[in-house]
Amino acid sequence: MIEYIRGMLDELTPTQATLEAHGVGYILNISLNTYTALQGKSEARLFVYESIREDAWTLFGFATKQERELFLLLISVSGVGGNTARTMLSSFSAPELAGLIMNGDERMLKTVKGLGAKTAQRIIVELRDKVASTGLDTAAPSAEHEQAASIQNSEVYNEAFEALKMLGFPPAPVAKTVKAILKDEPAAPVEKVIKMALKML
């Protein structure tokens, strides 16, 4: 099992990082929080989770052990796969997400794109005690996330999100970009939001 990979940061996108170590390039799927932590760096160390199936071998990379630990707890819940867990860790920092689970905040969990009420409830029921027992740091969601909860239900948000996703952009950075645009310009029409997002993604 790979604990971590340390090497040159060869490529970096909001969803993937390529680390070169001893002449081998490793592609790791990352969250937006890890992406932010890696920006501007030429070398990095990422903690690793290996997802091994018959048809695929995928590596997930994390800037901190806490993020990886929470990721492992999330994917232990039925209905939560690696990509869903990564989207959750892109929507909230690890301490924020741990706090939401421990406080049973289903409303905020449901603001994560693709996460329904039943899955959010299952995460809370199955992980609340586990998160508490691990001693993970917790934090309250920022004001930006509180506002994002109300944005999540708007028609403009949904239309812009779906349009950009169909254009091939990854869901997590699309969600964060559209939220940021609507935070600054709540009355912007969907066409303007999409045009602005295309310049930012």
N, C-alpha and C. Protein backbone atom coordinates (compact mmCIF):
# COMPACT_ATOMS: atom_id res chain seq x y z
N MET A 1 0.84 -1.20 0.00
CA MET A 1 0.00 0.00 0.00
C MET A 1 0.87 1.25 0.00
N ILE A 2 0.47 2.24 -0.78
CA ILE A 2 1.22 3.50 -0.86
C ILE A 2 0.72 4.44 0.24
N GLU A 3 1.62 4.91 1.08
CA GLU A 3 1.26 5.87 2.13
C GLU A 3 1.24 7.29 1.57
N TYR A 4 2.29 7.65 0.88
CA TYR A 4 2.32 8.98 0.25
C TYR A 4 3.30 8.94 -0.92
N ILE A 5 3.18 9.94 -1.79
CA ILE A 5 4.12 10.12 -2.90
C ILE A 5 4.70 11.52 -2.78
N ARG A 6 6.02 11.59 -2.79
CA ARG A 6 6.70 12.88 -2.77
C ARG A 6 7.47 13.03 -4.08
N GLY A 7 7.32 14.16 -4.74
CA GLY A 7 8.03 14.35 -5.99
C GLY A 7 7.78 15.71 -6.61
N MET A 8 8.23 15.84 -7.85
CA MET A 8 8.04 17.07 -8.60
C MET A 8 6.58 17.17 -9.05
N LEU A 9 6.01 18.35 -8.91
CA LEU A 9 4.64 18.58 -9.35
C LEU A 9 4.67 18.92 -10.83
N ASP A 10 4.39 17.92 -11.66
CA ASP A 10 4.54 18.06 -13.10
C ASP A 10 3.36 18.79 -13.73
N GLU A 11 2.14 18.41 -13.33
CA GLU A 11 0.93 19.05 -13.84
C GLU A 11 -0.07 19.20 -12.70
N LEU A 12 -0.87 20.27 -12.79
CA LEU A 12 -1.88 20.51 -11.75
C LEU A 12 -3.12 21.12 -12.37
N THR A 13 -4.26 20.47 -12.15
CA THR A 13 -5.56 21.01 -12.54
C THR A 13 -6.44 20.97 -11.29
N PRO A 14 -7.63 21.59 -11.34
CA PRO A 14 -8.50 21.56 -10.15
C PRO A 14 -8.94 20.16 -9.73
N THR A 15 -8.77 19.16 -10.59
CA THR A 15 -9.22 17.81 -10.24
C THR A 15 -8.10 16.77 -10.20
N GLN A 16 -6.93 17.10 -10.76
CA GLN A 16 -5.85 16.12 -10.82
C GLN A 16 -4.48 16.77 -10.60
N ALA A 17 -3.59 15.99 -10.02
CA ALA A 17 -2.20 16.40 -9.87
C ALA A 17 -1.32 15.26 -10.38
N THR A 18 -0.28 15.60 -11.13
CA THR A 18 0.68 14.60 -11.60
C THR A 18 1.99 14.82 -10.87
N LEU A 19 2.38 13.84 -10.07
CA LEU A 19 3.65 13.89 -9.34
C LEU A 19 4.64 12.95 -9.99
N GLU A 20 5.85 13.45 -10.25
CA GLU A 20 6.90 12.61 -10.79
C GLU A 20 7.86 12.23 -9.67
N ALA A 21 7.98 10.94 -9.41
CA ALA A 21 8.87 10.44 -8.37
C ALA A 21 9.72 9.32 -8.93
N HIS A 22 11.04 9.49 -8.91
CA HIS A 22 11.98 8.48 -9.41
C HIS A 22 11.67 8.07 -10.85
N GLY A 23 11.35 9.06 -11.67
CA GLY A 23 11.13 8.80 -13.08
C GLY A 23 9.76 8.27 -13.45
N VAL A 24 8.88 8.13 -12.45
CA VAL A 24 7.51 7.66 -12.71
C VAL A 24 6.52 8.78 -12.43
N GLY A 25 5.60 9.01 -13.36
CA GLY A 25 4.57 10.02 -13.17
C GLY A 25 3.29 9.40 -12.66
N TYR A 26 2.82 9.89 -11.51
CA TYR A 26 1.59 9.36 -10.91
C TYR A 26 0.48 10.41 -11.04
N ILE A 27 -0.66 10.01 -11.63
CA ILE A 27 -1.82 10.89 -11.71
C ILE A 27 -2.69 10.62 -10.49
N LEU A 28 -2.96 11.67 -9.72
CA LEU A 28 -3.77 11.52 -8.52
C LEU A 28 -5.00 12.42 -8.62
N ASN A 29 -6.16 11.86 -8.33
CA ASN A 29 -7.39 12.66 -8.26
C ASN A 29 -7.38 13.44 -6.96
N ILE A 30 -7.68 14.73 -7.03
CA ILE A 30 -7.59 15.59 -5.85
C ILE A 30 -8.86 16.42 -5.68
N SER A 31 -9.03 16.96 -4.47
CA SER A 31 -10.13 17.87 -4.18
C SER A 31 -9.67 19.30 -4.47
N LEU A 32 -10.64 20.22 -4.46
CA LEU A 32 -10.28 21.63 -4.67
C LEU A 32 -9.44 22.17 -3.52
N ASN A 33 -9.64 21.63 -2.31
CA ASN A 33 -8.84 22.08 -1.17
C ASN A 33 -7.38 21.68 -1.35
N THR A 34 -7.14 20.46 -1.84
CA THR A 34 -5.77 20.03 -2.11
C THR A 34 -5.19 20.84 -3.27
N TYR A 35 -6.00 21.10 -4.27
CA TYR A 35 -5.56 21.92 -5.41
C TYR A 35 -5.07 23.29 -4.92
N THR A 36 -5.84 23.90 -4.04
CA THR A 36 -5.46 25.21 -3.50
C THR A 36 -4.14 25.11 -2.73
N ALA A 37 -3.99 24.03 -1.97
CA ALA A 37 -2.76 23.84 -1.18
C ALA A 37 -1.53 23.64 -2.05
N LEU A 38 -1.73 23.13 -3.27
CA LEU A 38 -0.60 22.83 -4.15
C LEU A 38 -0.22 23.99 -5.08
N GLN A 39 -1.10 24.93 -5.24
CA GLN A 39 -0.83 26.01 -6.19
C GLN A 39 0.45 26.76 -5.85
N GLY A 40 1.26 26.98 -6.88
CA GLY A 40 2.51 27.71 -6.72
C GLY A 40 3.68 26.86 -6.27
N LYS A 41 3.45 25.55 -6.07
CA LYS A 41 4.53 24.68 -5.61
C LYS A 41 5.13 23.90 -6.78
N SER A 42 6.41 23.64 -6.69
CA SER A 42 7.09 22.82 -7.71
C SER A 42 7.29 21.39 -7.22
N GLU A 43 7.29 21.21 -5.90
CA GLU A 43 7.38 19.88 -5.30
C GLU A 43 6.25 19.70 -4.30
N ALA A 44 5.85 18.47 -4.10
CA ALA A 44 4.75 18.22 -3.17
C ALA A 44 4.81 16.82 -2.61
N ARG A 45 4.11 16.64 -1.49
CA ARG A 45 3.89 15.31 -0.93
C ARG A 45 2.39 15.14 -0.74
N LEU A 46 1.84 14.10 -1.36
CA LEU A 46 0.42 13.83 -1.23
C LEU A 46 0.20 12.47 -0.59
N PHE A 47 -0.65 12.43 0.42
CA PHE A 47 -1.07 11.17 1.02
C PHE A 47 -2.01 10.48 0.04
N VAL A 48 -1.94 9.16 -0.02
CA VAL A 48 -2.57 8.43 -1.12
C VAL A 48 -3.61 7.43 -0.63
N TYR A 49 -4.68 7.31 -1.41
CA TYR A 49 -5.61 6.20 -1.28
C TYR A 49 -5.68 5.51 -2.64
N GLU A 50 -5.49 4.19 -2.64
CA GLU A 50 -5.54 3.42 -3.88
C GLU A 50 -6.91 2.75 -4.04
N SER A 51 -7.58 3.08 -5.14
CA SER A 51 -8.84 2.42 -5.46
C SER A 51 -8.56 1.40 -6.56
N ILE A 52 -8.58 0.12 -6.19
CA ILE A 52 -8.20 -0.94 -7.14
C ILE A 52 -9.41 -1.79 -7.48
N ARG A 53 -9.79 -1.78 -8.75
CA ARG A 53 -10.87 -2.63 -9.25
C ARG A 53 -10.35 -3.42 -10.44
N GLU A 54 -11.14 -4.37 -10.89
CA GLU A 54 -10.71 -5.20 -12.02
C GLU A 54 -10.46 -4.37 -13.27
N ASP A 55 -11.27 -3.30 -13.44
CA ASP A 55 -11.18 -2.52 -14.66
C ASP A 55 -10.43 -1.20 -14.50
N ALA A 56 -9.98 -0.89 -13.28
CA ALA A 56 -9.31 0.40 -13.09
C ALA A 56 -8.48 0.42 -11.81
N TRP A 57 -7.39 1.16 -11.87
CA TRP A 57 -6.57 1.41 -10.69
C TRP A 57 -6.43 2.93 -10.58
N THR A 58 -7.09 3.51 -9.60
CA THR A 58 -7.15 4.96 -9.47
C THR A 58 -6.50 5.39 -8.17
N LEU A 59 -5.72 6.46 -8.24
CA LEU A 59 -5.09 7.03 -7.05
C LEU A 59 -5.77 8.34 -6.68
N PHE A 60 -6.06 8.49 -5.40
CA PHE A 60 -6.57 9.75 -4.86
C PHE A 60 -5.48 10.36 -4.00
N GLY A 61 -5.25 11.67 -4.14
CA GLY A 61 -4.20 12.34 -3.39
C GLY A 61 -4.76 13.39 -2.46
N PHE A 62 -4.14 13.55 -1.29
CA PHE A 62 -4.64 14.47 -0.27
C PHE A 62 -3.48 15.27 0.33
N ALA A 63 -3.72 16.56 0.51
CA ALA A 63 -2.68 17.42 1.07
C ALA A 63 -2.43 17.12 2.54
N THR A 64 -3.46 16.61 3.24
CA THR A 64 -3.31 16.33 4.67
C THR A 64 -3.84 14.93 4.99
N LYS A 65 -3.35 14.37 6.10
CA LYS A 65 -3.85 13.08 6.55
C LYS A 65 -5.31 13.18 6.99
N GLN A 66 -5.68 14.35 7.53
CA GLN A 66 -7.06 14.52 7.99
C GLN A 66 -8.03 14.41 6.82
N GLU A 67 -7.67 15.02 5.69
CA GLU A 67 -8.55 14.95 4.52
C GLU A 67 -8.68 13.49 4.06
N ARG A 68 -7.57 12.75 4.04
CA ARG A 68 -7.63 11.35 3.63
C ARG A 68 -8.46 10.53 4.60
N GLU A 69 -8.30 10.78 5.89
CA GLU A 69 -9.05 10.02 6.89
C GLU A 69 -10.55 10.23 6.72
N LEU A 70 -10.94 11.47 6.46
CA LEU A 70 -12.36 11.76 6.27
C LEU A 70 -12.87 11.15 4.97
N PHE A 71 -12.04 11.16 3.94
CA PHE A 71 -12.38 10.54 2.66
C PHE A 71 -12.67 9.04 2.87
N LEU A 72 -11.81 8.37 3.62
CA LEU A 72 -11.97 6.94 3.87
C LEU A 72 -13.26 6.65 4.65
N LEU A 73 -13.60 7.54 5.59
CA LEU A 73 -14.85 7.37 6.31
C LEU A 73 -16.04 7.55 5.37
N LEU A 74 -15.96 8.54 4.51
CA LEU A 74 -17.08 8.82 3.59
C LEU A 74 -17.34 7.65 2.64
N ILE A 75 -16.28 7.07 2.07
CA ILE A 75 -16.50 6.00 1.10
C ILE A 75 -16.89 4.68 1.77
N SER A 76 -16.82 4.65 3.10
CA SER A 76 -17.29 3.46 3.81
C SER A 76 -18.83 3.42 3.89
N VAL A 77 -19.46 4.55 3.56
CA VAL A 77 -20.92 4.65 3.60
C VAL A 77 -21.50 4.17 2.28
N SER A 78 -22.50 3.32 2.34
CA SER A 78 -23.14 2.80 1.13
C SER A 78 -23.70 3.96 0.29
N GLY A 79 -23.38 3.95 -1.00
CA GLY A 79 -23.86 5.00 -1.89
C GLY A 79 -22.91 6.16 -2.06
N VAL A 80 -21.79 6.15 -1.33
CA VAL A 80 -20.80 7.22 -1.45
C VAL A 80 -19.53 6.65 -2.08
N GLY A 81 -19.28 7.01 -3.33
CA GLY A 81 -18.08 6.56 -4.02
C GLY A 81 -16.96 7.58 -3.90
N GLY A 82 -15.85 7.26 -4.53
CA GLY A 82 -14.68 8.14 -4.45
C GLY A 82 -14.95 9.53 -5.01
N ASN A 83 -15.66 9.61 -6.14
CA ASN A 83 -15.90 10.92 -6.74
C ASN A 83 -16.86 11.75 -5.91
N THR A 84 -17.87 11.11 -5.31
CA THR A 84 -18.79 11.85 -4.44
C THR A 84 -18.06 12.37 -3.21
N ALA A 85 -17.22 11.53 -2.62
CA ALA A 85 -16.45 11.95 -1.45
C ALA A 85 -15.52 13.11 -1.81
N ARG A 86 -14.91 13.03 -3.00
CA ARG A 86 -14.03 14.12 -3.43
C ARG A 86 -14.81 15.41 -3.63
N THR A 87 -16.02 15.32 -4.19
CA THR A 87 -16.85 16.51 -4.38
C THR A 87 -17.22 17.12 -3.04
N MET A 88 -17.51 16.28 -2.05
CA MET A 88 -17.82 16.79 -0.71
C MET A 88 -16.62 17.52 -0.12
N LEU A 89 -15.43 16.96 -0.33
CA LEU A 89 -14.21 17.58 0.20
C LEU A 89 -13.76 18.76 -0.64
N SER A 90 -14.40 18.96 -1.79
CA SER A 90 -14.15 20.16 -2.58
C SER A 90 -15.12 21.27 -2.18
N SER A 91 -16.30 20.87 -1.70
CA SER A 91 -17.31 21.84 -1.29
C SER A 91 -17.03 22.41 0.09
N PHE A 92 -16.40 21.62 0.94
CA PHE A 92 -16.08 22.05 2.31
C PHE A 92 -14.65 21.61 2.65
N SER A 93 -14.02 22.35 3.55
CA SER A 93 -12.73 21.89 4.05
C SER A 93 -12.98 20.68 4.94
N ALA A 94 -11.94 19.90 5.21
CA ALA A 94 -12.09 18.72 6.06
C ALA A 94 -12.64 19.07 7.44
N PRO A 95 -12.15 20.12 8.12
CA PRO A 95 -12.72 20.48 9.43
C PRO A 95 -14.19 20.89 9.33
N GLU A 96 -14.55 21.63 8.27
CA GLU A 96 -15.95 22.04 8.09
C GLU A 96 -16.85 20.82 7.91
N LEU A 97 -16.41 19.89 7.04
CA LEU A 97 -17.22 18.70 6.76
C LEU A 97 -17.36 17.83 8.00
N ALA A 98 -16.27 17.69 8.75
CA ALA A 98 -16.33 16.92 9.99
C ALA A 98 -17.32 17.56 10.96
N GLY A 99 -17.32 18.88 11.02
CA GLY A 99 -18.25 19.59 11.90
C GLY A 99 -19.70 19.40 11.49
N LEU A 100 -19.96 19.43 10.18
CA LEU A 100 -21.33 19.23 9.68
C LEU A 100 -21.85 17.84 10.05
N ILE A 101 -20.98 16.84 9.90
CA ILE A 101 -21.39 15.47 10.21
C ILE A 101 -21.66 15.31 11.70
N MET A 102 -20.77 15.83 12.53
CA MET A 102 -20.93 15.70 13.98
C MET A 102 -22.16 16.46 14.48
N ASN A 103 -22.48 17.58 13.82
CA ASN A 103 -23.64 18.38 14.23
C ASN A 103 -24.94 17.93 13.56
N GLY A 104 -24.85 16.93 12.68
CA GLY A 104 -26.05 16.43 12.02
C GLY A 104 -26.69 17.44 11.08
N ASP A 105 -25.87 18.26 10.43
CA ASP A 105 -26.40 19.33 9.57
C ASP A 105 -26.71 18.79 8.17
N GLU A 106 -27.87 18.14 8.06
CA GLU A 106 -28.28 17.55 6.79
C GLU A 106 -28.48 18.62 5.71
N ARG A 107 -29.00 19.77 6.09
CA ARG A 107 -29.27 20.84 5.12
C ARG A 107 -28.02 21.25 4.37
N MET A 108 -26.93 21.45 5.08
CA MET A 108 -25.69 21.87 4.43
C MET A 108 -25.08 20.74 3.61
N LEU A 109 -25.18 19.52 4.11
CA LEU A 109 -24.64 18.39 3.34
C LEU A 109 -25.34 18.26 2.01
N LYS A 110 -26.65 18.52 1.98
CA LYS A 110 -27.42 18.38 0.75
C LYS A 110 -27.08 19.45 -0.28
N THR A 111 -26.32 20.48 0.10
CA THR A 111 -25.91 21.48 -0.89
C THR A 111 -24.84 20.94 -1.83
N VAL A 112 -24.25 19.81 -1.48
CA VAL A 112 -23.26 19.17 -2.36
C VAL A 112 -24.00 18.57 -3.55
N LYS A 113 -23.57 18.94 -4.75
CA LYS A 113 -24.23 18.49 -5.96
C LYS A 113 -24.26 16.96 -6.03
N GLY A 114 -25.45 16.41 -6.26
CA GLY A 114 -25.59 14.97 -6.41
C GLY A 114 -25.79 14.21 -5.11
N LEU A 115 -25.80 14.92 -3.98
CA LEU A 115 -25.97 14.25 -2.69
C LEU A 115 -27.41 14.44 -2.22
N GLY A 116 -28.19 13.36 -2.21
CA GLY A 116 -29.59 13.43 -1.83
C GLY A 116 -29.79 13.36 -0.33
N ALA A 117 -31.06 13.54 0.06
CA ALA A 117 -31.39 13.57 1.49
C ALA A 117 -31.08 12.23 2.17
N LYS A 118 -31.40 11.12 1.51
CA LYS A 118 -31.19 9.81 2.13
C LYS A 118 -29.70 9.53 2.36
N THR A 119 -28.88 9.88 1.37
CA THR A 119 -27.44 9.65 1.53
C THR A 119 -26.87 10.57 2.61
N ALA A 120 -27.33 11.83 2.64
CA ALA A 120 -26.87 12.76 3.66
C ALA A 120 -27.22 12.25 5.05
N GLN A 121 -28.45 11.72 5.21
CA GLN A 121 -28.87 11.17 6.50
C GLN A 121 -28.02 9.95 6.87
N ARG A 122 -27.73 9.10 5.88
CA ARG A 122 -26.93 7.90 6.13
C ARG A 122 -25.53 8.28 6.59
N ILE A 123 -24.95 9.29 5.95
CA ILE A 123 -23.61 9.76 6.32
C ILE A 123 -23.60 10.21 7.78
N ILE A 124 -24.62 10.98 8.17
CA ILE A 124 -24.69 11.49 9.54
C ILE A 124 -24.84 10.34 10.53
N VAL A 125 -25.78 9.43 10.24
CA VAL A 125 -26.05 8.32 11.16
C VAL A 125 -24.83 7.41 11.33
N GLU A 126 -24.19 7.08 10.21
CA GLU A 126 -23.09 6.11 10.26
C GLU A 126 -21.75 6.71 10.70
N LEU A 127 -21.57 8.01 10.45
CA LEU A 127 -20.24 8.58 10.69
C LEU A 127 -20.13 9.54 11.87
N ARG A 128 -21.26 9.96 12.42
CA ARG A 128 -21.19 10.95 13.50
C ARG A 128 -20.28 10.50 14.63
N ASP A 129 -20.51 9.30 15.13
CA ASP A 129 -19.69 8.80 16.25
C ASP A 129 -18.26 8.51 15.81
N LYS A 130 -18.10 8.01 14.59
CA LYS A 130 -16.76 7.69 14.09
C LYS A 130 -15.92 8.95 13.94
N VAL A 131 -16.53 10.02 13.41
CA VAL A 131 -15.81 11.29 13.26
C VAL A 131 -15.40 11.82 14.63
N ALA A 132 -16.32 11.72 15.59
CA ALA A 132 -16.02 12.20 16.94
C ALA A 132 -14.88 11.41 17.57
N SER A 133 -14.87 10.10 17.33
CA SER A 133 -13.86 9.25 17.97
C SER A 133 -12.48 9.39 17.34
N THR A 134 -12.41 9.88 16.10
CA THR A 134 -11.10 10.03 15.45
C THR A 134 -10.35 11.27 15.93
N GLY A 135 -11.09 12.21 16.56
CA GLY A 135 -10.44 13.43 17.01
C GLY A 135 -10.15 14.40 15.88
N LEU A 136 -10.86 14.26 14.76
CA LEU A 136 -10.68 15.18 13.64
C LEU A 136 -11.03 16.60 14.06
N ASP A 137 -10.25 17.57 13.59
CA ASP A 137 -10.58 18.96 13.86
C ASP A 137 -11.89 19.30 13.19
N THR A 138 -12.68 20.17 13.81
CA THR A 138 -13.96 20.58 13.23
C THR A 138 -14.02 22.10 13.17
N ALA A 139 -14.87 22.59 12.27
CA ALA A 139 -15.06 24.03 12.13
C ALA A 139 -16.45 24.28 11.56
N ALA A 140 -16.99 25.45 11.84
CA ALA A 140 -18.29 25.82 11.27
C ALA A 140 -18.10 26.25 9.82
N PRO A 141 -19.08 25.97 8.95
CA PRO A 141 -18.97 26.42 7.55
C PRO A 141 -18.87 27.93 7.47
N SER A 142 -18.16 28.40 6.48
CA SER A 142 -18.00 29.84 6.29
C SER A 142 -19.28 30.45 5.78
N ALA A 143 -19.35 31.77 5.82
CA ALA A 143 -20.53 32.49 5.32
C ALA A 143 -20.76 32.18 3.84
N GLU A 144 -19.68 31.95 3.11
CA GLU A 144 -19.80 31.64 1.68
C GLU A 144 -20.60 30.36 1.49
N HIS A 145 -20.36 29.36 2.33
CA HIS A 145 -21.10 28.11 2.20
C HIS A 145 -22.55 28.28 2.61
N GLU A 146 -22.80 29.12 3.62
CA GLU A 146 -24.18 29.38 4.01
C GLU A 146 -24.95 29.98 2.85
N GLN A 147 -24.32 30.94 2.15
CA GLN A 147 -24.99 31.55 1.02
C GLN A 147 -25.15 30.55 -0.11
N ALA A 148 -24.18 29.68 -0.28
CA ALA A 148 -24.24 28.70 -1.36
C ALA A 148 -25.45 27.79 -1.20
N ALA A 149 -25.86 27.56 0.05
CA ALA A 149 -27.02 26.70 0.27
C ALA A 149 -28.27 27.28 -0.36
N SER A 150 -28.42 28.61 -0.30
CA SER A 150 -29.60 29.22 -0.91
C SER A 150 -29.44 29.31 -2.42
N ILE A 151 -28.20 29.49 -2.88
CA ILE A 151 -27.95 29.55 -4.32
C ILE A 151 -28.25 28.21 -4.98
N GLN A 152 -27.98 27.14 -4.24
CA GLN A 152 -28.05 25.80 -4.80
C GLN A 152 -29.40 25.52 -5.44
N ASN A 153 -30.46 26.12 -4.93
CA ASN A 153 -31.80 25.81 -5.42
C ASN A 153 -32.24 26.74 -6.54
N SER A 154 -31.42 27.70 -6.91
CA SER A 154 -31.85 28.65 -7.93
C SER A 154 -31.78 28.04 -9.32
N GLU A 155 -32.70 28.46 -10.16
CA GLU A 155 -32.74 27.96 -11.54
C GLU A 155 -31.47 28.32 -12.29
N VAL A 156 -30.99 29.54 -12.08
CA VAL A 156 -29.79 29.99 -12.79
C VAL A 156 -28.61 29.10 -12.45
N TYR A 157 -28.45 28.79 -11.16
CA TYR A 157 -27.34 27.93 -10.75
C TYR A 157 -27.43 26.58 -11.45
N ASN A 158 -28.61 25.96 -11.39
CA ASN A 158 -28.77 24.62 -11.95
C ASN A 158 -28.55 24.60 -13.46
N GLU A 159 -29.09 25.60 -14.15
CA GLU A 159 -28.95 25.64 -15.61
C GLU A 159 -27.49 25.85 -16.01
N ALA A 160 -26.82 26.77 -15.32
CA ALA A 160 -25.42 27.05 -15.63
C ALA A 160 -24.55 25.84 -15.31
N PHE A 161 -24.82 25.20 -14.18
CA PHE A 161 -24.04 24.03 -13.79
C PHE A 161 -24.16 22.93 -14.84
N GLU A 162 -25.40 22.62 -15.24
CA GLU A 162 -25.61 21.53 -16.20
C GLU A 162 -24.99 21.85 -17.56
N ALA A 163 -25.11 23.12 -17.99
CA ALA A 163 -24.54 23.51 -19.28
C ALA A 163 -23.03 23.36 -19.29
N LEU A 164 -22.38 23.80 -18.23
CA LEU A 164 -20.92 23.72 -18.16
C LEU A 164 -20.45 22.27 -18.03
N LYS A 165 -21.24 21.47 -17.31
CA LYS A 165 -20.89 20.05 -17.17
C LYS A 165 -20.98 19.35 -18.53
N MET A 166 -22.00 19.71 -19.32
CA MET A 166 -22.15 19.13 -20.65
C MET A 166 -21.01 19.53 -21.59
N LEU A 167 -20.42 20.69 -21.30
CA LEU A 167 -19.29 21.15 -22.10
C LEU A 167 -17.99 20.41 -21.74
N GLY A 168 -18.07 19.57 -20.71
CA GLY A 168 -16.92 18.74 -20.37
C GLY A 168 -16.14 19.19 -19.16
N PHE A 169 -16.60 20.23 -18.46
CA PHE A 169 -15.88 20.69 -17.27
C PHE A 169 -16.23 19.82 -16.07
N PRO A 170 -15.26 19.52 -15.19
CA PRO A 170 -15.52 18.68 -14.01
C PRO A 170 -16.52 19.35 -13.06
N PRO A 171 -17.43 18.58 -12.46
CA PRO A 171 -18.49 19.16 -11.62
C PRO A 171 -18.00 20.00 -10.45
N ALA A 172 -16.95 19.56 -9.74
CA ALA A 172 -16.54 20.28 -8.53
C ALA A 172 -16.09 21.71 -8.82
N PRO A 173 -15.14 21.93 -9.76
CA PRO A 173 -14.76 23.32 -10.04
C PRO A 173 -15.88 24.14 -10.65
N VAL A 174 -16.77 23.49 -11.43
CA VAL A 174 -17.92 24.20 -12.00
C VAL A 174 -18.80 24.74 -10.87
N ALA A 175 -19.10 23.88 -9.89
CA ALA A 175 -19.96 24.28 -8.78
C ALA A 175 -19.35 25.46 -8.02
N LYS A 176 -18.06 25.38 -7.74
CA LYS A 176 -17.41 26.44 -6.97
C LYS A 176 -17.38 27.75 -7.76
N THR A 177 -17.11 27.66 -9.07
CA THR A 177 -17.04 28.86 -9.90
C THR A 177 -18.40 29.53 -10.02
N VAL A 178 -19.44 28.74 -10.29
CA VAL A 178 -20.79 29.31 -10.45
C VAL A 178 -21.26 29.94 -9.14
N LYS A 179 -20.98 29.27 -8.02
CA LYS A 179 -21.35 29.85 -6.72
C LYS A 179 -20.67 31.20 -6.51
N ALA A 180 -19.39 31.28 -6.86
CA ALA A 180 -18.64 32.52 -6.67
C ALA A 180 -19.21 33.64 -7.53
N ILE A 181 -19.57 33.31 -8.77
CA ILE A 181 -20.13 34.32 -9.67
C ILE A 181 -21.47 34.84 -9.15
N LEU A 182 -22.34 33.89 -8.72
CA LEU A 182 -23.66 34.29 -8.22
C LEU A 182 -23.58 35.01 -6.87
N LYS A 183 -22.51 34.75 -6.13
CA LYS A 183 -22.33 35.49 -4.88
C LYS A 183 -22.06 36.96 -5.17
N ASP A 184 -21.25 37.23 -6.21
CA ASP A 184 -20.92 38.60 -6.58
C ASP A 184 -22.05 39.27 -7.37
N GLU A 185 -22.74 38.46 -8.20
CA GLU A 185 -23.80 39.00 -9.05
C GLU A 185 -25.05 38.11 -8.96
N PRO A 186 -25.81 38.24 -7.87
CA PRO A 186 -26.97 37.35 -7.65
C PRO A 186 -28.03 37.43 -8.75
N ALA A 187 -28.12 38.57 -9.44
CA ALA A 187 -29.17 38.74 -10.44
C ALA A 187 -28.70 38.43 -11.86
N ALA A 188 -27.49 37.92 -12.01
CA ALA A 188 -26.95 37.65 -13.35
C ALA A 188 -27.77 36.59 -14.06
N PRO A 189 -28.10 36.81 -15.36
CA PRO A 189 -28.82 35.78 -16.13
C PRO A 189 -27.90 34.61 -16.43
N VAL A 190 -28.51 33.48 -16.76
CA VAL A 190 -27.74 32.25 -16.94
C VAL A 190 -26.69 32.39 -18.04
N GLU A 191 -27.02 33.11 -19.12
CA GLU A 191 -26.05 33.26 -20.22
C GLU A 191 -24.78 33.98 -19.75
N LYS A 192 -24.97 35.00 -18.93
CA LYS A 192 -23.82 35.76 -18.42
C LYS A 192 -22.98 34.90 -17.47
N VAL A 193 -23.67 34.14 -16.63
CA VAL A 193 -22.95 33.27 -15.68
C VAL A 193 -22.08 32.27 -16.44
N ILE A 194 -22.65 31.67 -17.50
CA ILE A 194 -21.90 30.68 -18.27
C ILE A 194 -20.69 31.33 -18.95
N LYS A 195 -20.89 32.51 -19.54
CA LYS A 195 -19.79 33.18 -20.22
C LYS A 195 -18.67 33.54 -19.25
N MET A 196 -19.05 34.03 -18.06
CA MET A 196 -18.05 34.37 -17.05
C MET A 196 -17.31 33.13 -16.56
N ALA A 197 -18.07 32.04 -16.37
CA ALA A 197 -17.45 30.81 -15.87
C ALA A 197 -16.47 30.23 -16.90
N LEU A 198 -16.80 30.35 -18.17
CA LEU A 198 -15.90 29.83 -19.21
C LEU A 198 -14.54 30.54 -19.18
N LYS A 199 -14.52 31.79 -18.78
CA LYS A 199 -13.28 32.54 -18.68
C LYS A 199 -12.48 32.17 -17.43
N MET A 200 -13.19 31.65 -16.42
CA MET A 200 -12.54 31.35 -15.14
C MET A 200 -12.10 29.90 -15.01
N LEU A 201 -12.77 29.00 -15.71
CA LEU A 201 -12.46 27.57 -15.58
C LEU A 201 -11.24 27.17 -16.39
